[in-house]
N, C-alpha and C. Protein backbone atom coordinates (compact mmCIF):
# COMPACT_ATOMS: atom_id res chain seq x y z
N MET A 1 52.47 -51.92 -11.24
CA MET A 1 52.86 -52.15 -9.88
C MET A 1 51.94 -53.20 -9.26
N ARG A 2 52.51 -54.09 -8.45
CA ARG A 2 51.72 -55.14 -7.83
C ARG A 2 50.91 -54.58 -6.67
N SER A 3 49.67 -55.03 -6.54
CA SER A 3 48.84 -54.56 -5.46
C SER A 3 49.13 -55.32 -4.17
N ILE A 4 49.57 -56.57 -4.28
CA ILE A 4 49.98 -57.35 -3.12
C ILE A 4 51.34 -57.94 -3.43
N PRO A 5 52.12 -58.25 -2.40
CA PRO A 5 53.43 -58.84 -2.68
C PRO A 5 53.29 -60.11 -3.50
N PHE A 6 54.16 -60.26 -4.49
CA PHE A 6 54.07 -61.41 -5.39
C PHE A 6 54.14 -62.72 -4.63
N ARG A 7 55.05 -62.81 -3.66
CA ARG A 7 55.20 -64.03 -2.88
C ARG A 7 53.89 -64.39 -2.19
N ALA A 8 53.23 -63.42 -1.60
CA ALA A 8 51.96 -63.67 -0.91
C ALA A 8 50.89 -64.13 -1.89
N ALA A 9 50.89 -63.59 -3.09
CA ALA A 9 49.89 -63.97 -4.09
C ALA A 9 50.07 -65.41 -4.53
N LEU A 10 51.30 -65.92 -4.50
CA LEU A 10 51.57 -67.28 -4.95
C LEU A 10 51.54 -68.30 -3.83
N LEU A 11 51.50 -67.87 -2.61
CA LEU A 11 51.64 -68.75 -1.47
C LEU A 11 50.59 -69.84 -1.36
N PRO A 12 49.30 -69.61 -1.65
CA PRO A 12 48.32 -70.67 -1.41
C PRO A 12 48.65 -72.01 -2.05
N LEU A 13 49.05 -72.03 -3.30
CA LEU A 13 49.35 -73.31 -3.95
C LEU A 13 50.68 -73.86 -3.49
N THR A 14 51.66 -72.99 -3.31
CA THR A 14 52.99 -73.47 -2.98
C THR A 14 53.08 -73.95 -1.54
N ALA A 15 52.11 -73.61 -0.71
CA ALA A 15 52.12 -74.07 0.66
C ALA A 15 51.89 -75.58 0.74
N LEU A 16 51.34 -76.16 -0.30
CA LEU A 16 51.12 -77.59 -0.34
C LEU A 16 52.40 -78.28 -0.78
N VAL A 17 53.04 -78.98 0.10
CA VAL A 17 54.28 -79.64 -0.22
C VAL A 17 53.98 -81.10 -0.50
N LEU A 18 54.13 -81.47 -1.76
CA LEU A 18 53.84 -82.83 -2.17
C LEU A 18 55.06 -83.41 -2.85
N THR A 19 55.39 -84.63 -2.54
CA THR A 19 56.50 -85.29 -3.21
C THR A 19 56.06 -86.66 -3.69
N GLY A 20 56.52 -87.03 -4.86
CA GLY A 20 56.22 -88.34 -5.40
C GLY A 20 54.83 -88.45 -6.03
N VAL A 21 54.07 -87.37 -6.03
CA VAL A 21 52.72 -87.39 -6.57
C VAL A 21 52.54 -86.16 -7.45
N SER A 22 51.96 -86.36 -8.62
CA SER A 22 51.68 -85.20 -9.45
C SER A 22 50.51 -84.44 -8.85
N PHE A 23 50.65 -83.15 -8.79
CA PHE A 23 49.59 -82.29 -8.31
C PHE A 23 49.31 -81.23 -9.35
N GLY A 24 49.80 -81.44 -10.55
CA GLY A 24 49.64 -80.43 -11.58
C GLY A 24 48.22 -80.33 -12.09
N ILE A 25 47.80 -79.11 -12.31
CA ILE A 25 46.52 -78.85 -12.95
C ILE A 25 46.85 -78.60 -14.41
N VAL A 26 46.48 -79.53 -15.25
CA VAL A 26 46.85 -79.49 -16.65
C VAL A 26 45.84 -78.66 -17.42
N SER A 27 46.34 -77.70 -18.16
CA SER A 27 45.49 -76.82 -18.94
C SER A 27 44.99 -77.53 -20.18
N ALA A 28 43.73 -77.31 -20.49
CA ALA A 28 43.14 -77.86 -21.70
C ALA A 28 43.05 -76.78 -22.79
N ASP A 29 43.82 -75.71 -22.62
CA ASP A 29 43.81 -74.64 -23.61
C ASP A 29 44.23 -75.18 -24.97
N PRO A 30 43.70 -74.61 -26.03
CA PRO A 30 44.13 -75.03 -27.36
C PRO A 30 45.59 -74.66 -27.59
N VAL A 31 46.22 -75.37 -28.50
CA VAL A 31 47.61 -75.08 -28.84
C VAL A 31 47.69 -73.65 -29.35
N ARG A 32 48.69 -72.90 -28.88
CA ARG A 32 48.89 -71.53 -29.33
C ARG A 32 50.39 -71.26 -29.45
N GLN A 33 50.73 -70.29 -30.22
CA GLN A 33 52.12 -69.91 -30.38
C GLN A 33 52.64 -69.34 -29.06
N ALA A 34 53.83 -69.78 -28.65
CA ALA A 34 54.43 -69.29 -27.42
C ALA A 34 54.78 -67.81 -27.59
N PRO A 35 54.37 -66.98 -26.64
CA PRO A 35 54.67 -65.55 -26.75
C PRO A 35 56.18 -65.30 -26.69
N PRO A 36 56.69 -64.44 -27.56
CA PRO A 36 58.12 -64.12 -27.50
C PRO A 36 58.43 -63.30 -26.25
N PHE A 37 59.63 -63.50 -25.71
CA PHE A 37 60.02 -62.75 -24.52
C PHE A 37 61.53 -62.56 -24.51
N SER A 38 61.95 -61.66 -23.67
CA SER A 38 63.36 -61.39 -23.43
C SER A 38 63.52 -61.15 -21.94
N VAL A 39 64.39 -61.94 -21.29
CA VAL A 39 64.64 -61.81 -19.86
C VAL A 39 66.15 -61.83 -19.63
N ARG A 40 66.56 -61.55 -18.41
CA ARG A 40 67.98 -61.55 -18.05
C ARG A 40 68.32 -62.83 -17.32
N SER A 41 69.39 -63.49 -17.78
CA SER A 41 69.87 -64.68 -17.09
C SER A 41 70.45 -64.26 -15.74
N LEU A 42 70.77 -65.23 -14.91
CA LEU A 42 71.36 -64.94 -13.62
C LEU A 42 72.75 -64.34 -13.76
N ASP A 43 73.35 -64.47 -14.95
CA ASP A 43 74.65 -63.87 -15.24
C ASP A 43 74.52 -62.53 -15.94
N GLY A 44 73.28 -62.05 -16.10
CA GLY A 44 73.05 -60.75 -16.71
C GLY A 44 72.97 -60.75 -18.23
N LYS A 45 72.98 -61.93 -18.84
CA LYS A 45 72.88 -62.02 -20.30
C LYS A 45 71.42 -62.05 -20.73
N ASN A 46 71.17 -61.56 -21.93
CA ASN A 46 69.84 -61.55 -22.49
C ASN A 46 69.46 -62.95 -22.97
N VAL A 47 68.28 -63.42 -22.57
CA VAL A 47 67.76 -64.72 -22.99
C VAL A 47 66.42 -64.45 -23.67
N GLN A 48 66.29 -64.93 -24.90
CA GLN A 48 65.05 -64.74 -25.65
C GLN A 48 64.53 -66.10 -26.11
N LEU A 49 63.22 -66.21 -26.19
CA LEU A 49 62.63 -67.46 -26.67
C LEU A 49 63.14 -67.79 -28.07
N LYS A 50 63.32 -66.78 -28.92
CA LYS A 50 63.76 -67.04 -30.29
C LYS A 50 65.16 -67.68 -30.34
N ASP A 51 65.93 -67.59 -29.25
CA ASP A 51 67.23 -68.25 -29.19
C ASP A 51 67.09 -69.78 -29.32
N PHE A 52 65.91 -70.29 -29.01
CA PHE A 52 65.69 -71.74 -28.98
C PHE A 52 64.80 -72.23 -30.11
N LYS A 53 64.70 -71.42 -31.16
CA LYS A 53 63.85 -71.78 -32.30
C LYS A 53 64.24 -73.16 -32.83
N GLY A 54 63.23 -73.99 -33.08
CA GLY A 54 63.45 -75.34 -33.59
C GLY A 54 63.74 -76.37 -32.52
N HIS A 55 63.75 -75.96 -31.27
CA HIS A 55 64.01 -76.88 -30.15
C HIS A 55 62.76 -76.99 -29.29
N PRO A 56 62.53 -78.18 -28.71
CA PRO A 56 61.48 -78.26 -27.69
C PRO A 56 61.97 -77.52 -26.44
N VAL A 57 61.06 -76.80 -25.80
CA VAL A 57 61.44 -75.98 -24.65
C VAL A 57 60.47 -76.25 -23.50
N LEU A 58 61.02 -76.39 -22.31
CA LEU A 58 60.24 -76.46 -21.09
C LEU A 58 60.56 -75.19 -20.31
N ILE A 59 59.54 -74.39 -20.02
CA ILE A 59 59.72 -73.18 -19.22
C ILE A 59 59.03 -73.42 -17.89
N ASP A 60 59.82 -73.26 -16.81
CA ASP A 60 59.30 -73.50 -15.47
C ASP A 60 59.42 -72.21 -14.66
N PHE A 61 58.28 -71.68 -14.21
CA PHE A 61 58.27 -70.53 -13.31
C PHE A 61 58.39 -71.07 -11.89
N TRP A 62 59.36 -70.57 -11.13
CA TRP A 62 59.67 -71.13 -9.82
C TRP A 62 60.20 -70.03 -8.89
N ALA A 63 60.45 -70.40 -7.62
CA ALA A 63 61.05 -69.48 -6.65
C ALA A 63 61.83 -70.29 -5.62
N THR A 64 62.80 -69.64 -5.02
CA THR A 64 63.66 -70.31 -4.03
C THR A 64 62.88 -70.69 -2.78
N TRP A 65 61.84 -69.97 -2.44
CA TRP A 65 61.08 -70.21 -1.22
C TRP A 65 59.95 -71.22 -1.42
N CYS A 66 59.80 -71.75 -2.63
CA CYS A 66 58.70 -72.66 -2.98
C CYS A 66 59.15 -74.11 -2.82
N GLN A 67 58.56 -74.83 -1.86
CA GLN A 67 58.94 -76.22 -1.62
C GLN A 67 58.67 -77.14 -2.82
N PRO A 68 57.50 -77.07 -3.46
CA PRO A 68 57.28 -77.92 -4.64
C PRO A 68 58.26 -77.59 -5.77
N CYS A 69 58.65 -76.32 -5.88
CA CYS A 69 59.63 -75.93 -6.90
C CYS A 69 60.96 -76.61 -6.63
N ARG A 70 61.36 -76.59 -5.37
CA ARG A 70 62.62 -77.22 -4.97
C ARG A 70 62.61 -78.71 -5.33
N ALA A 71 61.49 -79.37 -5.06
CA ALA A 71 61.37 -80.79 -5.38
C ALA A 71 61.45 -81.03 -6.89
N SER A 72 60.95 -80.09 -7.67
CA SER A 72 60.95 -80.23 -9.14
C SER A 72 62.33 -80.04 -9.75
N MET A 73 63.18 -79.27 -9.09
CA MET A 73 64.48 -78.91 -9.68
C MET A 73 65.32 -80.13 -10.05
N THR A 74 65.33 -81.14 -9.22
CA THR A 74 66.13 -82.33 -9.55
C THR A 74 65.55 -83.05 -10.77
N HIS A 75 64.22 -83.06 -10.88
CA HIS A 75 63.58 -83.69 -12.05
C HIS A 75 63.94 -82.92 -13.32
N LEU A 76 63.89 -81.60 -13.24
CA LEU A 76 64.19 -80.77 -14.41
C LEU A 76 65.65 -80.92 -14.81
N GLU A 77 66.53 -80.98 -13.84
CA GLU A 77 67.96 -81.17 -14.12
C GLU A 77 68.19 -82.51 -14.83
N SER A 78 67.53 -83.54 -14.35
CA SER A 78 67.65 -84.86 -14.96
C SER A 78 67.13 -84.87 -16.40
N LEU A 79 66.00 -84.20 -16.62
CA LEU A 79 65.45 -84.12 -17.98
C LEU A 79 66.41 -83.41 -18.93
N GLN A 80 66.98 -82.30 -18.48
CA GLN A 80 67.90 -81.54 -19.33
C GLN A 80 69.07 -82.43 -19.75
N LYS A 81 69.63 -83.15 -18.80
CA LYS A 81 70.78 -84.02 -19.11
C LYS A 81 70.38 -85.17 -20.03
N ARG A 82 69.22 -85.76 -19.76
CA ARG A 82 68.78 -86.92 -20.52
C ARG A 82 68.42 -86.58 -21.97
N TYR A 83 67.85 -85.39 -22.20
CA TYR A 83 67.35 -85.05 -23.52
C TYR A 83 68.10 -83.92 -24.22
N GLU A 84 69.22 -83.49 -23.68
CA GLU A 84 69.94 -82.39 -24.33
C GLU A 84 70.43 -82.78 -25.72
N ASP A 85 70.76 -84.05 -25.92
CA ASP A 85 71.19 -84.51 -27.25
C ASP A 85 70.06 -84.44 -28.28
N LYS A 86 68.83 -84.44 -27.81
CA LYS A 86 67.67 -84.30 -28.69
C LYS A 86 67.27 -82.84 -28.86
N GLY A 87 68.01 -81.94 -28.19
CA GLY A 87 67.75 -80.52 -28.35
C GLY A 87 66.87 -79.88 -27.30
N LEU A 88 66.46 -80.63 -26.27
CA LEU A 88 65.59 -80.06 -25.25
C LEU A 88 66.28 -78.90 -24.54
N VAL A 89 65.51 -77.84 -24.34
CA VAL A 89 65.97 -76.69 -23.56
C VAL A 89 65.07 -76.57 -22.34
N VAL A 90 65.67 -76.64 -21.16
CA VAL A 90 64.94 -76.39 -19.91
C VAL A 90 65.34 -75.00 -19.46
N LEU A 91 64.35 -74.16 -19.23
CA LEU A 91 64.58 -72.79 -18.80
C LEU A 91 63.77 -72.52 -17.55
N GLY A 92 64.45 -72.25 -16.46
CA GLY A 92 63.80 -71.90 -15.20
C GLY A 92 63.73 -70.40 -15.06
N LEU A 93 62.52 -69.86 -14.90
CA LEU A 93 62.33 -68.43 -14.73
C LEU A 93 61.93 -68.15 -13.29
N SER A 94 62.84 -67.58 -12.53
CA SER A 94 62.62 -67.31 -11.12
C SER A 94 61.73 -66.08 -10.93
N VAL A 95 60.76 -66.21 -10.05
CA VAL A 95 59.90 -65.09 -9.70
C VAL A 95 60.35 -64.43 -8.40
N ASP A 96 61.52 -64.82 -7.92
CA ASP A 96 62.05 -64.25 -6.68
C ASP A 96 62.24 -62.75 -6.79
N GLU A 97 62.06 -62.08 -5.68
CA GLU A 97 62.33 -60.66 -5.61
C GLU A 97 63.75 -60.41 -5.11
N ASP A 98 64.47 -61.49 -4.79
CA ASP A 98 65.87 -61.39 -4.38
C ASP A 98 66.74 -61.07 -5.58
N ALA A 99 67.97 -60.69 -5.31
CA ALA A 99 68.93 -60.38 -6.37
C ALA A 99 69.26 -61.65 -7.15
N PRO A 100 69.53 -61.51 -8.44
CA PRO A 100 69.91 -62.68 -9.24
C PRO A 100 71.09 -63.46 -8.64
N ALA A 101 72.03 -62.77 -8.02
CA ALA A 101 73.18 -63.45 -7.41
C ALA A 101 72.73 -64.39 -6.29
N ASP A 102 71.72 -63.99 -5.53
CA ASP A 102 71.19 -64.85 -4.46
C ASP A 102 70.49 -66.08 -5.04
N VAL A 103 69.74 -65.87 -6.09
CA VAL A 103 69.05 -66.97 -6.76
C VAL A 103 70.08 -67.94 -7.36
N LYS A 104 71.13 -67.39 -7.94
CA LYS A 104 72.19 -68.21 -8.52
C LYS A 104 72.87 -69.07 -7.45
N ARG A 105 73.18 -68.48 -6.29
CA ARG A 105 73.80 -69.26 -5.20
C ARG A 105 72.88 -70.40 -4.76
N TYR A 106 71.61 -70.11 -4.67
CA TYR A 106 70.64 -71.12 -4.29
C TYR A 106 70.63 -72.27 -5.30
N ALA A 107 70.58 -71.93 -6.58
CA ALA A 107 70.55 -72.95 -7.64
C ALA A 107 71.84 -73.77 -7.63
N GLN A 108 72.96 -73.15 -7.38
CA GLN A 108 74.23 -73.87 -7.31
C GLN A 108 74.22 -74.88 -6.17
N LYS A 109 73.64 -74.51 -5.04
CA LYS A 109 73.53 -75.44 -3.90
C LYS A 109 72.73 -76.68 -4.28
N LEU A 110 71.72 -76.48 -5.13
CA LEU A 110 70.89 -77.60 -5.57
C LEU A 110 71.53 -78.40 -6.70
N GLY A 111 72.61 -77.89 -7.27
CA GLY A 111 73.27 -78.58 -8.38
C GLY A 111 72.59 -78.37 -9.71
N VAL A 112 71.89 -77.26 -9.86
CA VAL A 112 71.16 -76.96 -11.10
C VAL A 112 72.12 -76.38 -12.13
N SER A 113 72.11 -76.98 -13.32
CA SER A 113 72.97 -76.47 -14.39
C SER A 113 72.17 -76.02 -15.62
N PHE A 114 70.86 -76.27 -15.62
CA PHE A 114 70.07 -75.81 -16.78
C PHE A 114 69.94 -74.29 -16.72
N ARG A 115 69.49 -73.71 -17.81
CA ARG A 115 69.41 -72.24 -17.92
C ARG A 115 68.42 -71.67 -16.90
N LEU A 116 68.86 -70.58 -16.27
CA LEU A 116 68.02 -69.89 -15.31
C LEU A 116 68.04 -68.40 -15.61
N ALA A 117 66.90 -67.78 -15.42
CA ALA A 117 66.77 -66.34 -15.64
C ALA A 117 65.74 -65.80 -14.66
N MET A 118 65.65 -64.49 -14.61
CA MET A 118 64.69 -63.83 -13.74
C MET A 118 63.44 -63.46 -14.55
N ALA A 119 62.29 -63.89 -14.06
CA ALA A 119 61.02 -63.51 -14.69
C ALA A 119 60.73 -62.06 -14.32
N ASP A 120 60.10 -61.35 -15.24
CA ASP A 120 59.64 -60.00 -14.93
C ASP A 120 58.12 -59.97 -15.14
N GLU A 121 57.53 -58.85 -14.80
CA GLU A 121 56.07 -58.73 -14.92
C GLU A 121 55.58 -58.99 -16.34
N LYS A 122 56.34 -58.55 -17.31
CA LYS A 122 55.92 -58.71 -18.71
C LYS A 122 55.81 -60.19 -19.09
N VAL A 123 56.83 -60.98 -18.78
CA VAL A 123 56.79 -62.39 -19.14
C VAL A 123 55.72 -63.12 -18.32
N LEU A 124 55.52 -62.70 -17.08
CA LEU A 124 54.46 -63.31 -16.26
C LEU A 124 53.08 -63.04 -16.87
N ASP A 125 52.89 -61.86 -17.40
CA ASP A 125 51.62 -61.54 -18.06
C ASP A 125 51.47 -62.26 -19.39
N LEU A 126 52.56 -62.33 -20.17
CA LEU A 126 52.51 -62.99 -21.46
C LEU A 126 52.14 -64.47 -21.33
N TYR A 127 52.63 -65.10 -20.27
CA TYR A 127 52.41 -66.53 -20.09
C TYR A 127 51.32 -66.83 -19.08
N GLY A 128 50.53 -65.91 -18.74
CA GLY A 128 49.55 -66.16 -17.72
C GLY A 128 48.26 -65.42 -17.92
N PRO A 129 47.95 -64.80 -16.85
CA PRO A 129 48.89 -64.45 -15.80
C PRO A 129 49.29 -65.67 -14.97
N VAL A 130 50.55 -65.70 -14.56
CA VAL A 130 51.07 -66.77 -13.71
C VAL A 130 50.78 -66.36 -12.28
N ARG A 131 49.90 -67.12 -11.62
CA ARG A 131 49.49 -66.78 -10.26
C ARG A 131 49.96 -67.78 -9.22
N SER A 132 50.36 -68.96 -9.65
CA SER A 132 50.82 -70.01 -8.75
C SER A 132 52.09 -70.62 -9.31
N ILE A 133 52.93 -71.08 -8.41
CA ILE A 133 54.15 -71.74 -8.86
C ILE A 133 54.30 -73.06 -8.12
N PRO A 134 54.96 -74.02 -8.71
CA PRO A 134 55.49 -73.92 -10.06
C PRO A 134 54.39 -73.92 -11.12
N THR A 135 54.66 -73.23 -12.20
CA THR A 135 53.84 -73.29 -13.41
C THR A 135 54.79 -73.62 -14.55
N THR A 136 54.47 -74.66 -15.28
CA THR A 136 55.37 -75.19 -16.30
C THR A 136 54.69 -75.19 -17.66
N PHE A 137 55.43 -74.71 -18.67
CA PHE A 137 54.95 -74.68 -20.04
C PHE A 137 55.79 -75.61 -20.89
N PHE A 138 55.13 -76.38 -21.74
CA PHE A 138 55.78 -77.30 -22.66
C PHE A 138 55.57 -76.76 -24.07
N ILE A 139 56.67 -76.44 -24.73
CA ILE A 139 56.64 -75.81 -26.05
C ILE A 139 57.30 -76.75 -27.05
N ASN A 140 56.60 -77.06 -28.13
CA ASN A 140 57.16 -77.99 -29.12
C ASN A 140 58.16 -77.30 -30.04
N LYS A 141 58.74 -78.07 -30.97
CA LYS A 141 59.76 -77.55 -31.89
C LYS A 141 59.23 -76.44 -32.79
N ASN A 142 57.91 -76.39 -32.97
CA ASN A 142 57.29 -75.36 -33.80
C ASN A 142 56.98 -74.08 -33.02
N GLY A 143 57.37 -74.05 -31.74
CA GLY A 143 57.14 -72.88 -30.92
C GLY A 143 55.73 -72.77 -30.38
N GLU A 144 55.01 -73.88 -30.33
CA GLU A 144 53.63 -73.89 -29.85
C GLU A 144 53.56 -74.41 -28.41
N VAL A 145 52.81 -73.72 -27.58
CA VAL A 145 52.56 -74.19 -26.22
C VAL A 145 51.56 -75.33 -26.33
N VAL A 146 51.99 -76.53 -25.98
CA VAL A 146 51.11 -77.69 -26.09
C VAL A 146 50.54 -78.13 -24.75
N ARG A 147 51.15 -77.61 -23.66
CA ARG A 147 50.66 -77.98 -22.34
C ARG A 147 51.12 -76.94 -21.33
N ARG A 148 50.23 -76.65 -20.39
CA ARG A 148 50.55 -75.78 -19.25
C ARG A 148 50.11 -76.52 -18.00
N VAL A 149 51.02 -76.66 -17.04
CA VAL A 149 50.70 -77.36 -15.81
C VAL A 149 50.99 -76.43 -14.63
N VAL A 150 50.00 -76.27 -13.78
CA VAL A 150 50.15 -75.48 -12.57
C VAL A 150 50.30 -76.46 -11.41
N GLY A 151 51.44 -76.39 -10.73
CA GLY A 151 51.69 -77.27 -9.59
C GLY A 151 52.82 -78.24 -9.86
N TYR A 152 53.12 -79.00 -8.84
CA TYR A 152 54.21 -79.99 -8.88
C TYR A 152 53.88 -81.10 -9.87
N ILE A 153 54.91 -81.54 -10.60
CA ILE A 153 54.78 -82.66 -11.54
C ILE A 153 55.83 -83.69 -11.14
N ASP A 154 55.41 -84.92 -10.89
CA ASP A 154 56.38 -85.95 -10.53
C ASP A 154 57.24 -86.30 -11.75
N ALA A 155 58.37 -86.97 -11.50
CA ALA A 155 59.36 -87.24 -12.55
C ALA A 155 58.77 -88.06 -13.71
N GLU A 156 57.99 -89.08 -13.40
CA GLU A 156 57.44 -89.95 -14.45
C GLU A 156 56.47 -89.18 -15.36
N THR A 157 55.61 -88.38 -14.78
CA THR A 157 54.66 -87.60 -15.57
C THR A 157 55.40 -86.54 -16.39
N LEU A 158 56.36 -85.90 -15.77
CA LEU A 158 57.17 -84.90 -16.46
C LEU A 158 57.84 -85.51 -17.69
N ASP A 159 58.39 -86.68 -17.52
CA ASP A 159 59.04 -87.37 -18.64
C ASP A 159 58.04 -87.68 -19.76
N SER A 160 56.84 -88.10 -19.41
CA SER A 160 55.84 -88.42 -20.44
C SER A 160 55.43 -87.15 -21.20
N TYR A 161 55.37 -86.01 -20.51
CA TYR A 161 55.02 -84.75 -21.17
C TYR A 161 56.15 -84.32 -22.11
N ILE A 162 57.38 -84.55 -21.71
CA ILE A 162 58.53 -84.20 -22.57
C ILE A 162 58.51 -85.06 -23.83
N GLN A 163 58.17 -86.34 -23.70
CA GLN A 163 58.12 -87.23 -24.86
C GLN A 163 57.18 -86.71 -25.93
N GLU A 164 56.13 -86.02 -25.52
CA GLU A 164 55.15 -85.48 -26.48
C GLU A 164 55.75 -84.36 -27.34
N LEU A 165 56.85 -83.77 -26.91
CA LEU A 165 57.45 -82.66 -27.63
C LEU A 165 58.33 -83.11 -28.79
N PHE A 166 58.71 -84.38 -28.82
CA PHE A 166 59.62 -84.87 -29.86
C PHE A 166 58.87 -85.52 -31.00
């Protein structure tokens, strides 16, 4: 059980609204195997990391109330379309406490078509702990986390990080 509301715990970083500038804190952690997980998509289907074996994967933890997350969504959508032929999988994991249907309506308003699911405490612990959003993980074709970025990433930097996965 959370000791403080999740939204309040994430608010300090997300209160900074930055556009056009990377504000990501890039992790220097050594390469490690991405932890396996299973979450529910916004349509109620099971989504597992192993579903994307052999593909580069970008996992973005986000929320509807997060301004930097909102700014990132168009960049992530563009990346998915640009690199889907190369096998890139963009997966947005919402930390919202709202119902999946509400998150889905929000994503539809933004024109998001990449995969979306609801994060749970287990996946937040496996990949973190994730304390600030957006937090983005870059996973190569071998299933290794090669980069973790906390905060907003501008489109150009995001694209250069994706290039490293191929």
